[in-house]
Amino acid sequence: MKDYSIDDMIILAQENKGQDNFGYRSEFIQMLRSAKNLETQLTTAKDLSSNVQIIN
C-alpha cells in the first residue's frame, strides 16, 4: 500500500464505487480529494518556507 498515491486511491475508489444508496462511497472519494488538496497545500507551504530568509 505504501506505493499507492492519493490519486491512485481516488481512481480505485471511483472505479469500484458501484451502487451508493447512502452516499458514503462518494463522501469517501471527496475525503480523498480533500486529503490530496491538503497534501498539495502542505508541500507548497514547505517550499515557500524553505525560500524565506530571516533578516536581522
Protein backbone atom coordinates (compact mmCIF):
# COMPACT_ATOMS: atom_id res chain seq x y z
CA MET A 1 0.00 0.00 0.00
CA LYS A 2 2.84 2.47 0.55
CA ASP A 3 3.38 2.63 -3.23
CA TYR A 4 -0.18 3.92 -3.67
CA SER A 5 -0.66 7.65 -4.04
CA ILE A 6 -3.80 9.51 -3.11
CA ASP A 7 -4.52 9.81 -6.84
CA ASP A 8 -4.31 6.01 -7.14
CA MET A 9 -6.76 5.61 -4.26
CA ILE A 10 -9.19 8.10 -5.83
CA ILE A 11 -9.12 6.23 -9.14
CA LEU A 12 -9.57 2.88 -7.41
CA ALA A 13 -12.49 4.18 -5.34
CA GLN A 14 -14.18 5.76 -8.37
CA GLU A 15 -13.81 2.62 -10.48
CA ASN A 16 -15.32 0.48 -7.73
CA LYS A 17 -17.97 2.83 -6.33
CA GLY A 18 -20.90 0.79 -7.59
CA GLN A 19 -24.32 1.50 -6.13
CA ASP A 20 -24.06 4.19 -3.48
CA ASN A 21 -27.52 4.44 -1.94
CA PHE A 22 -26.44 6.46 1.08
CA GLY A 23 -23.60 8.46 -0.50
CA TYR A 24 -20.90 7.01 1.75
CA ARG A 25 -18.69 5.98 -1.15
CA SER A 26 -18.98 9.40 -2.79
CA GLU A 27 -18.18 11.01 0.54
CA PHE A 28 -15.08 8.81 0.87
CA ILE A 29 -13.90 9.93 -2.58
CA GLN A 30 -14.49 13.56 -1.58
CA MET A 31 -12.45 13.00 1.59
CA LEU A 32 -9.61 11.62 -0.52
CA ARG A 33 -9.76 14.71 -2.74
CA SER A 34 -9.63 16.91 0.36
CA ALA A 35 -6.60 14.99 1.62
CA LYS A 36 -4.91 15.49 -1.76
CA ASN A 37 -5.65 19.22 -1.59
CA LEU A 38 -4.20 19.45 1.93
CA GLU A 39 -1.12 17.49 0.84
CA THR A 40 -0.59 19.95 -2.03
CA GLN A 41 -1.01 22.94 0.28
CA LEU A 42 1.46 21.49 2.78
CA THR A 43 4.04 20.86 0.05
CA THR A 44 3.60 24.42 -1.23
CA ALA A 45 3.96 25.86 2.28
CA LYS A 46 7.14 23.84 2.87
CA ASP A 47 8.58 25.02 -0.45
CA LEU A 48 7.77 28.63 0.37
CA SER A 49 9.17 28.43 3.89
CA SER A 50 12.44 26.98 2.62
CA ASN A 51 12.86 30.09 0.45
CA VAL A 52 12.30 32.56 3.30
CA GLN A 53 15.38 34.29 4.64
CA ILE A 54 15.47 35.82 8.07
CA ILE A 55 16.84 39.39 8.05
CA ASN A 56 18.29 40.74 11.29
